[in-house]
């Protein structure tokens, strides 16, 4: 993933994913089931990355700034095509402040 200052959502997604990663590791350290936590983290990370690529695709498709931006649309579309189908299973955990809580 690369910094995407034009889209404006990449930094926020990165911060939220960092918080989720920290909460996941802390939950594992406190004895919560590692496999379930890893699965939850991976699903949320893929969902977030898909949302970021979709936001980029929409933003860049609406620009009139030239060929470079069409290349960015193509890059986002190629990235989306490599991800598994969207659709999250019901969440097994939720963030409360900076902690993961089982649902």
Protein backbone atom coordinates (compact mmCIF):
# COMPACT_ATOMS: atom_id res chain seq x y z
CA UNK A 1 0.00 0.00 0.00
CA UNK A 2 1.24 3.47 -0.74
CA UNK A 3 0.41 6.86 0.71
CA UNK A 4 -2.39 8.39 -1.32
CA UNK A 5 -2.65 12.10 -0.43
CA UNK A 6 -5.06 12.90 -3.26
CA UNK A 7 -7.75 10.52 -2.11
CA UNK A 8 -7.54 11.57 1.53
CA UNK A 9 -8.67 8.33 3.15
CA UNK A 10 -5.46 6.28 3.13
CA UNK A 11 -4.04 7.82 6.29
CA UNK A 12 -7.26 7.32 8.24
CA UNK A 13 -7.50 3.70 7.08
CA UNK A 14 -3.87 3.16 8.08
CA UNK A 15 -4.42 4.55 11.57
CA UNK A 16 -7.55 2.42 12.11
CA UNK A 17 -5.74 -0.70 10.88
CA UNK A 18 -2.86 0.06 13.25
CA UNK A 19 -5.27 0.36 16.17
CA UNK A 20 -6.91 -2.93 15.17
CA UNK A 21 -3.49 -4.61 14.88
CA UNK A 22 -2.49 -3.39 18.33
CA UNK A 23 -5.78 -4.54 19.86
CA UNK A 24 -5.44 -7.92 18.14
CA UNK A 25 -1.93 -8.50 19.49
CA UNK A 26 -2.97 -7.37 22.98
CA UNK A 27 -5.94 -9.78 22.91
CA UNK A 28 -3.67 -12.64 21.85
CA UNK A 29 -1.24 -11.78 24.64
CA UNK A 30 -4.08 -11.92 27.17
CA UNK A 31 -5.02 -15.44 26.06
CA UNK A 32 -7.87 -14.88 23.58
CA UNK A 33 -8.07 -17.49 20.77
CA UNK A 34 -5.31 -16.65 18.30
CA UNK A 35 -6.84 -18.29 15.21
CA UNK A 36 -10.14 -16.43 15.62
CA UNK A 37 -8.34 -13.13 16.18
CA UNK A 38 -6.12 -13.62 13.14
CA UNK A 39 -9.14 -14.46 11.01
CA UNK A 40 -11.02 -11.38 12.24
CA UNK A 41 -8.01 -9.13 11.65
CA UNK A 42 -7.40 -10.48 8.14
CA UNK A 43 -11.08 -10.07 7.17
CA UNK A 44 -11.21 -6.49 8.46
CA UNK A 45 -7.92 -5.60 6.77
CA UNK A 46 -9.11 -6.92 3.40
CA UNK A 47 -12.43 -5.11 3.81
CA UNK A 48 -10.63 -1.84 4.61
CA UNK A 49 -8.20 -2.19 1.72
CA UNK A 50 -11.09 -2.91 -0.67
CA UNK A 51 -12.91 0.21 0.58
CA UNK A 52 -9.75 2.27 0.05
CA UNK A 53 -9.27 1.00 -3.50
CA UNK A 54 -12.93 1.62 -4.32
CA UNK A 55 -12.70 5.19 -2.98
CA UNK A 56 -9.56 5.78 -5.10
CA UNK A 57 -11.22 4.35 -8.20
CA UNK A 58 -14.27 6.61 -7.83
CA UNK A 59 -12.21 9.72 -7.07
CA UNK A 60 -9.71 9.26 -9.86
CA UNK A 61 -12.36 8.28 -12.40
CA UNK A 62 -14.02 11.65 -11.77
CA UNK A 63 -10.87 13.73 -12.45
CA UNK A 64 -9.99 15.48 -15.65
CA UNK A 65 -6.29 15.67 -14.89
CA UNK A 66 -4.88 13.53 -17.66
CA UNK A 67 -3.47 10.13 -18.43
CA UNK A 68 -1.71 9.68 -15.08
CA UNK A 69 -5.06 9.61 -13.29
CA UNK A 70 -6.50 7.08 -15.73
CA UNK A 71 -3.49 4.93 -14.87
CA UNK A 72 -4.44 5.27 -11.18
CA UNK A 73 -7.99 4.13 -11.96
CA UNK A 74 -6.56 1.11 -13.76
CA UNK A 75 -4.24 0.35 -10.83
CA UNK A 76 -7.17 0.48 -8.39
CA UNK A 77 -9.26 -1.77 -10.64
CA UNK A 78 -6.40 -4.27 -10.96
CA UNK A 79 -5.97 -4.26 -7.19
CA UNK A 80 -9.69 -4.83 -6.65
CA UNK A 81 -9.64 -7.76 -9.07
CA UNK A 82 -6.99 -9.53 -6.97
CA UNK A 83 -8.98 -9.37 -3.73
CA UNK A 84 -11.43 -12.06 -2.66
CA UNK A 85 -15.12 -11.22 -3.15
CA UNK A 86 -16.43 -8.58 -0.79
CA UNK A 87 -18.85 -9.41 1.94
CA UNK A 88 -17.87 -9.75 5.53
CA UNK A 89 -18.97 -12.54 7.79
CA UNK A 90 -20.61 -11.23 10.94
CA UNK A 91 -17.96 -9.71 13.17
CA UNK A 92 -16.73 -11.90 16.01
CA UNK A 93 -15.08 -8.94 17.74
CA UNK A 94 -15.56 -5.20 17.97
CA UNK A 95 -13.27 -2.39 19.01
CA UNK A 96 -14.08 -0.64 22.25
CA UNK A 97 -11.64 2.24 22.65
CA UNK A 98 -8.39 0.37 21.88
CA UNK A 99 -9.50 -3.11 22.99
CA UNK A 100 -11.12 -5.96 21.08
CA UNK A 101 -14.27 -7.27 22.68
CA UNK A 102 -15.93 -10.55 21.64
CA UNK A 103 -19.42 -10.00 20.18
